[in-house]
Amino acid sequence: MSKTTDPDLQAVLPGLQYQDCHSVVLTDPALNAAGVVVLLPTLTPAWAQSLLALRNRLTAPLGLARVTMRQFPTLAVAPHQALLGLDDRHLDFRILLSSTPLPGQTAHRLTLRTLIRFHNAWGRAYLTAVLPFHRLILRRLLQDLARRDTAFKAERRCAGM
């Protein structure tokens, strides 16, 4: 699991203990951070919705918050940055979307970072269990965004991750 000391990310989620980062190069200016937040419910594949429904059934007895991609809590939105997230008993998480223009190009890089602060051992165990699915969902989401764009550039993990 990746730890970070990036002060900007620590400001987003103080006490941050885990992060991952994925990005894709897009040419459609409508697919900036704010645009993707609006599209997010339509980008989530049915199998991922089913996994979240199963997660909600399994964790309900533990008192964890219900999570769906259609009702993902949006904390802040600006054209080139959006913050989603939820604080729960086992962990707090944030999803930071940012779009950065690429110098000398009409394209931009859309970056999606997942930030997590654990509250207890259950939070760490939970992340270990869901991480493979989390990565699959992220990969699929970025691939779907690229398909919506006119000029797909390969999705990649962020440098240093």
C-alpha atoms as a PDB file:
ATOM      1  CA  MET A   1       0.000   0.000   0.000  1.00  0.00           C
ATOM      2  CA  SER A   2       1.313   3.383  -0.952  1.00  0.00           C
ATOM      3  CA  LYS A   3       1.939   5.959   1.754  1.00  0.00           C
ATOM      4  CA  THR A   4       2.255   9.622   0.953  1.00  0.00           C
ATOM      5  CA  THR A   5       3.691  12.735   2.495  1.00  0.00           C
ATOM      6  CA  ASP A   6       2.525  15.112  -0.276  1.00  0.00           C
ATOM      7  CA  PRO A   7       1.438  18.216   1.675  1.00  0.00           C
ATOM      8  CA  ASP A   8      -1.283  19.081  -0.857  1.00  0.00           C
ATOM      9  CA  LEU A   9      -2.862  15.649  -0.476  1.00  0.00           C
ATOM     10  CA  GLN A  10      -2.499  15.808   3.305  1.00  0.00           C
ATOM     11  CA  ALA A  11      -4.551  19.019   3.155  1.00  0.00           C
ATOM     12  CA  VAL A  12      -7.308  17.165   1.280  1.00  0.00           C
ATOM     13  CA  LEU A  13      -7.392  14.355   3.851  1.00  0.00           C
ATOM     14  CA  PRO A  14      -5.306  15.064   6.971  1.00  0.00           C
ATOM     15  CA  GLY A  15      -3.695  11.895   8.316  1.00  0.00           C
ATOM     16  CA  LEU A  16      -3.752  10.292   4.853  1.00  0.00           C
ATOM     17  CA  GLN A  17      -2.314   6.765   5.011  1.00  0.00           C
ATOM     18  CA  TYR A  18      -2.956   5.297   1.553  1.00  0.00           C
ATOM     19  CA  GLN A  19      -3.278   6.616  -1.975  1.00  0.00           C
ATOM     20  CA  ASP A  20      -3.473   5.331  -5.488  1.00  0.00           C
ATOM     21  CA  CYS A  21      -3.447   7.313  -8.670  1.00  0.00           C
ATOM     22  CA  HIS A  22      -4.515   6.607 -12.252  1.00  0.00           C
ATOM     23  CA  SER A  23      -4.768   8.887 -15.251  1.00  0.00           C
ATOM     24  CA  VAL A  24      -5.794   9.071 -18.874  1.00  0.00           C
ATOM     25  CA  VAL A  25      -5.099  11.638 -21.601  1.00  0.00           C
ATOM     26  CA  LEU A  26      -8.280  13.043 -23.170  1.00  0.00           C
ATOM     27  CA  THR A  27      -8.944  15.628 -25.871  1.00  0.00           C
ATOM     28  CA  ASP A  28     -12.612  16.385 -25.188  1.00  0.00           C
ATOM     29  CA  PRO A  29     -12.720  19.523 -22.981  1.00  0.00           C
ATOM     30  CA  ALA A  30     -16.131  18.414 -21.620  1.00  0.00           C
ATOM     31  CA  LEU A  31     -14.409  15.436 -20.003  1.00  0.00           C
ATOM     32  CA  ASN A  32     -12.780  17.601 -17.343  1.00  0.00           C
ATOM     33  CA  ALA A  33     -13.135  16.882 -13.619  1.00  0.00           C
ATOM     34  CA  ALA A  34     -16.564  18.540 -13.307  1.00  0.00           C
ATOM     35  CA  GLY A  35     -17.842  16.804 -16.435  1.00  0.00           C
ATOM     36  CA  VAL A  36     -16.707  13.401 -15.223  1.00  0.00           C
ATOM     37  CA  VAL A  37     -18.484  13.855 -11.870  1.00  0.00           C
ATOM     38  CA  VAL A  38     -21.740  14.312 -13.792  1.00  0.00           C
ATOM     39  CA  LEU A  39     -21.013  11.244 -15.945  1.00  0.00           C
ATOM     40  CA  LEU A  40     -19.811   9.027 -13.097  1.00  0.00           C
ATOM     41  CA  PRO A  41     -23.136   7.220 -12.499  1.00  0.00           C
ATOM     42  CA  THR A  42     -23.389   6.320 -16.197  1.00  0.00           C
ATOM     43  CA  LEU A  43     -19.787   5.109 -16.389  1.00  0.00           C
ATOM     44  CA  THR A  44     -20.086   2.517 -13.640  1.00  0.00           C
ATOM     45  CA  PRO A  45     -20.559  -0.963 -15.144  1.00  0.00           C
ATOM     46  CA  ALA A  46     -23.461  -3.115 -13.927  1.00  0.00           C
ATOM     47  CA  TRP A  47     -21.075  -5.679 -12.413  1.00  0.00           C
ATOM     48  CA  ALA A  48     -19.504  -2.933 -10.273  1.00  0.00           C
ATOM     49  CA  GLN A  49     -22.953  -1.815  -9.089  1.00  0.00           C
ATOM     50  CA  SER A  50     -23.645  -5.446  -8.142  1.00  0.00           C
ATOM     51  CA  LEU A  51     -20.384  -5.631  -6.185  1.00  0.00           C
ATOM     52  CA  LEU A  52     -21.287  -2.447  -4.294  1.00  0.00           C
ATOM     53  CA  ALA A  53     -24.740  -3.859  -3.516  1.00  0.00           C
ATOM     54  CA  LEU A  54     -23.093  -7.030  -2.151  1.00  0.00           C
ATOM     55  CA  ARG A  55     -20.676  -4.898  -0.128  1.00  0.00           C
ATOM     56  CA  ASN A  56     -23.610  -2.983   1.359  1.00  0.00           C
ATOM     57  CA  ARG A  57     -25.414  -6.201   2.364  1.00  0.00           C
ATOM     58  CA  LEU A  58     -22.289  -7.717   3.926  1.00  0.00           C
ATOM     59  CA  THR A  59     -21.268  -4.608   5.868  1.00  0.00           C
ATOM     60  CA  ALA A  60     -24.744  -3.456   6.999  1.00  0.00           C
ATOM     61  CA  PRO A  61     -24.571  -5.478  10.253  1.00  0.00           C
ATOM     62  CA  LEU A  62     -21.309  -3.651  11.038  1.00  0.00           C
ATOM     63  CA  GLY A  63     -22.984  -0.262  10.740  1.00  0.00           C
ATOM     64  CA  LEU A  64     -20.987   0.915   7.733  1.00  0.00           C
ATOM     65  CA  ALA A  65     -22.453   3.547   5.424  1.00  0.00           C
ATOM     66  CA  ARG A  66     -24.165   2.394   2.234  1.00  0.00           C
ATOM     67  CA  VAL A  67     -22.228   3.318  -0.888  1.00  0.00           C
ATOM     68  CA  THR A  68     -23.451   3.498  -4.477  1.00  0.00           C
ATOM     69  CA  MET A  69     -21.823   5.125  -7.467  1.00  0.00           C
ATOM     70  CA  ARG A  70     -25.147   6.781  -8.273  1.00  0.00           C
ATOM     71  CA  GLN A  71     -25.172   8.564  -4.910  1.00  0.00           C
ATOM     72  CA  PHE A  72     -21.471   9.147  -4.395  1.00  0.00           C
ATOM     73  CA  PRO A  73     -21.074  12.088  -1.994  1.00  0.00           C
ATOM     74  CA  THR A  74     -19.682  15.097  -3.875  1.00  0.00           C
ATOM     75  CA  LEU A  75     -17.812  17.427  -1.510  1.00  0.00           C
ATOM     76  CA  ALA A  76     -16.570  20.092  -3.963  1.00  0.00           C
ATOM     77  CA  VAL A  77     -16.628  20.691  -7.715  1.00  0.00           C
ATOM     78  CA  ALA A  78     -14.795  23.169  -9.940  1.00  0.00           C
ATOM     79  CA  PRO A  79     -14.164  22.816 -13.681  1.00  0.00           C
ATOM     80  CA  HIS A  80     -10.701  21.301 -13.266  1.00  0.00           C
ATOM     81  CA  GLN A  81     -10.999  19.652  -9.877  1.00  0.00           C
ATOM     82  CA  ALA A  82     -13.634  17.653  -8.028  1.00  0.00           C
ATOM     83  CA  LEU A  83     -13.615  16.018  -4.618  1.00  0.00           C
ATOM     84  CA  LEU A  84     -15.863  13.144  -3.612  1.00  0.00           C
ATOM     85  CA  GLY A  85     -15.751  11.180  -0.391  1.00  0.00           C
ATOM     86  CA  LEU A  86     -17.226   9.725   2.724  1.00  0.00           C
ATOM     87  CA  ASP A  87     -16.228   9.397   6.370  1.00  0.00           C
ATOM     88  CA  ASP A  88     -17.145   6.076   7.941  1.00  0.00           C
ATOM     89  CA  ARG A  89     -16.448   4.028  11.057  1.00  0.00           C
ATOM     90  CA  HIS A  90     -13.570   2.025   9.581  1.00  0.00           C
ATOM     91  CA  LEU A  91     -11.989   4.566   7.215  1.00  0.00           C
ATOM     92  CA  ASP A  92     -12.437   7.923   5.502  1.00  0.00           C
ATOM     93  CA  PHE A  93     -11.907   8.163   1.774  1.00  0.00           C
ATOM     94  CA  ARG A  94     -11.678  10.858  -0.841  1.00  0.00           C
ATOM     95  CA  ILE A  95     -11.601  10.650  -4.603  1.00  0.00           C
ATOM     96  CA  LEU A  96      -9.803  13.607  -6.109  1.00  0.00           C
ATOM     97  CA  LEU A  97     -10.368  14.176  -9.815  1.00  0.00           C
ATOM     98  CA  SER A  98      -8.201  16.752 -11.541  1.00  0.00           C
ATOM     99  CA  SER A  99      -7.731  17.755 -15.165  1.00  0.00           C
ATOM    100  CA  THR A 100      -4.459  19.357 -16.192  1.00  0.00           C
ATOM    101  CA  PRO A 101      -3.838  20.860 -19.654  1.00  0.00           C
ATOM    102  CA  LEU A 102      -0.880  19.343 -21.477  1.00  0.00           C
ATOM    103  CA  PRO A 103       1.577  22.011 -22.692  1.00  0.00           C
ATOM    104  CA  GLY A 104       1.475  22.595 -26.422  1.00  0.00           C
ATOM    105  CA  GLN A 105      -1.507  20.273 -26.926  1.00  0.00           C
ATOM    106  CA  THR A 106      -5.279  20.499 -26.995  1.00  0.00           C
ATOM    107  CA  ALA A 107      -5.405  17.494 -24.689  1.00  0.00           C
ATOM    108  CA  HIS A 108      -5.547  17.282 -20.905  1.00  0.00           C
ATOM    109  CA  ARG A 109      -4.647  14.604 -18.393  1.00  0.00           C
ATOM    110  CA  LEU A 110      -7.508  13.482 -16.179  1.00  0.00           C
ATOM    111  CA  THR A 111      -6.088  12.149 -12.917  1.00  0.00           C
ATOM    112  CA  LEU A 112      -8.078  10.171 -10.384  1.00  0.00           C
ATOM    113  CA  ARG A 113      -6.577   9.755  -6.912  1.00  0.00           C
ATOM    114  CA  THR A 114      -8.033   7.658  -4.140  1.00  0.00           C
ATOM    115  CA  LEU A 115      -7.025   8.855  -0.654  1.00  0.00           C
ATOM    116  CA  ILE A 116      -7.703   6.872   2.522  1.00  0.00           C
ATOM    117  CA  ARG A 117      -7.295   7.430   6.251  1.00  0.00           C
ATOM    118  CA  PHE A 118      -7.807   4.341   8.410  1.00  0.00           C
ATOM    119  CA  HIS A 119      -9.547   4.423  11.790  1.00  0.00           C
ATOM    120  CA  ASN A 120      -8.773   0.867  12.855  1.00  0.00           C
ATOM    121  CA  ALA A 121      -7.570  -2.573  11.773  1.00  0.00           C
ATOM    122  CA  TRP A 122     -10.977  -3.247  10.212  1.00  0.00           C
ATOM    123  CA  GLY A 123     -10.335  -0.349   7.800  1.00  0.00           C
ATOM    124  CA  ARG A 124      -7.032  -1.849   6.693  1.00  0.00           C
ATOM    125  CA  ALA A 125      -8.568  -5.317   6.324  1.00  0.00           C
ATOM    126  CA  TYR A 126     -11.490  -3.849   4.373  1.00  0.00           C
ATOM    127  CA  LEU A 127      -9.176  -2.077   1.923  1.00  0.00           C
ATOM    128  CA  THR A 128      -7.110  -5.230   1.438  1.00  0.00           C
ATOM    129  CA  ALA A 129     -10.286  -7.132   0.550  1.00  0.00           C
ATOM    130  CA  VAL A 130     -11.740  -4.561  -1.866  1.00  0.00           C
ATOM    131  CA  LEU A 131      -8.538  -3.259  -3.483  1.00  0.00           C
ATOM    132  CA  PRO A 132      -8.504  -5.706  -6.433  1.00  0.00           C
ATOM    133  CA  PHE A 133     -12.095  -4.732  -7.290  1.00  0.00           C
ATOM    134  CA  HIS A 134     -11.337  -1.049  -6.767  1.00  0.00           C
ATOM    135  CA  ARG A 135      -8.526  -1.261  -9.314  1.00  0.00           C
ATOM    136  CA  LEU A 136     -10.727  -3.091 -11.832  1.00  0.00           C
ATOM    137  CA  ILE A 137     -13.461  -0.485 -11.485  1.00  0.00           C
ATOM    138  CA  LEU A 138     -10.992   2.380 -11.918  1.00  0.00           C
ATOM    139  CA  ARG A 139      -9.434   0.778 -14.986  1.00  0.00           C
ATOM    140  CA  ARG A 140     -12.866   0.242 -16.542  1.00  0.00           C
ATOM    141  CA  LEU A 141     -13.983   3.781 -15.721  1.00  0.00           C
ATOM    142  CA  LEU A 142     -10.917   5.289 -17.404  1.00  0.00           C
ATOM    143  CA  GLN A 143     -11.306   3.004 -20.414  1.00  0.00           C
ATOM    144  CA  ASP A 144     -14.944   4.090 -20.771  1.00  0.00           C
ATOM    145  CA  LEU A 145     -13.927   7.735 -20.588  1.00  0.00           C
ATOM    146  CA  ALA A 146     -11.316   7.138 -23.262  1.00  0.00           C
ATOM    147  CA  ARG A 147     -13.932   5.503 -25.499  1.00  0.00           C
ATOM    148  CA  ARG A 148     -16.088   8.617 -25.174  1.00  0.00           C
ATOM    149  CA  ASP A 149     -13.144  10.725 -26.249  1.00  0.00           C
ATOM    150  CA  THR A 150     -12.096  11.143 -29.867  1.00  0.00           C
ATOM    151  CA  ALA A 151      -8.407  10.368 -29.361  1.00  0.00           C
ATOM    152  CA  PHE A 152      -7.672   7.671 -26.809  1.00  0.00           C
ATOM    153  CA  LYS A 153      -4.258   7.691 -25.184  1.00  0.00           C
ATOM    154  CA  ALA A 154      -3.300   4.820 -22.946  1.00  0.00           C
ATOM    155  CA  GLU A 155      -4.503   4.839 -19.344  1.00  0.00           C
ATOM    156  CA  ARG A 156      -1.646   4.601 -16.906  1.00  0.00           C
ATOM    157  CA  ARG A 157      -0.757   4.629 -13.264  1.00  0.00           C
ATOM    158  CA  CYS A 158       0.620   7.941 -12.097  1.00  0.00           C
ATOM    159  CA  ALA A 159       4.363   8.352 -11.879  1.00  0.00           C
ATOM    160  CA  GLY A 160       5.859   7.155  -8.618  1.00  0.00           C
ATOM    161  CA  MET A 161       2.928   4.867  -7.756  1.00  0.00           C
END
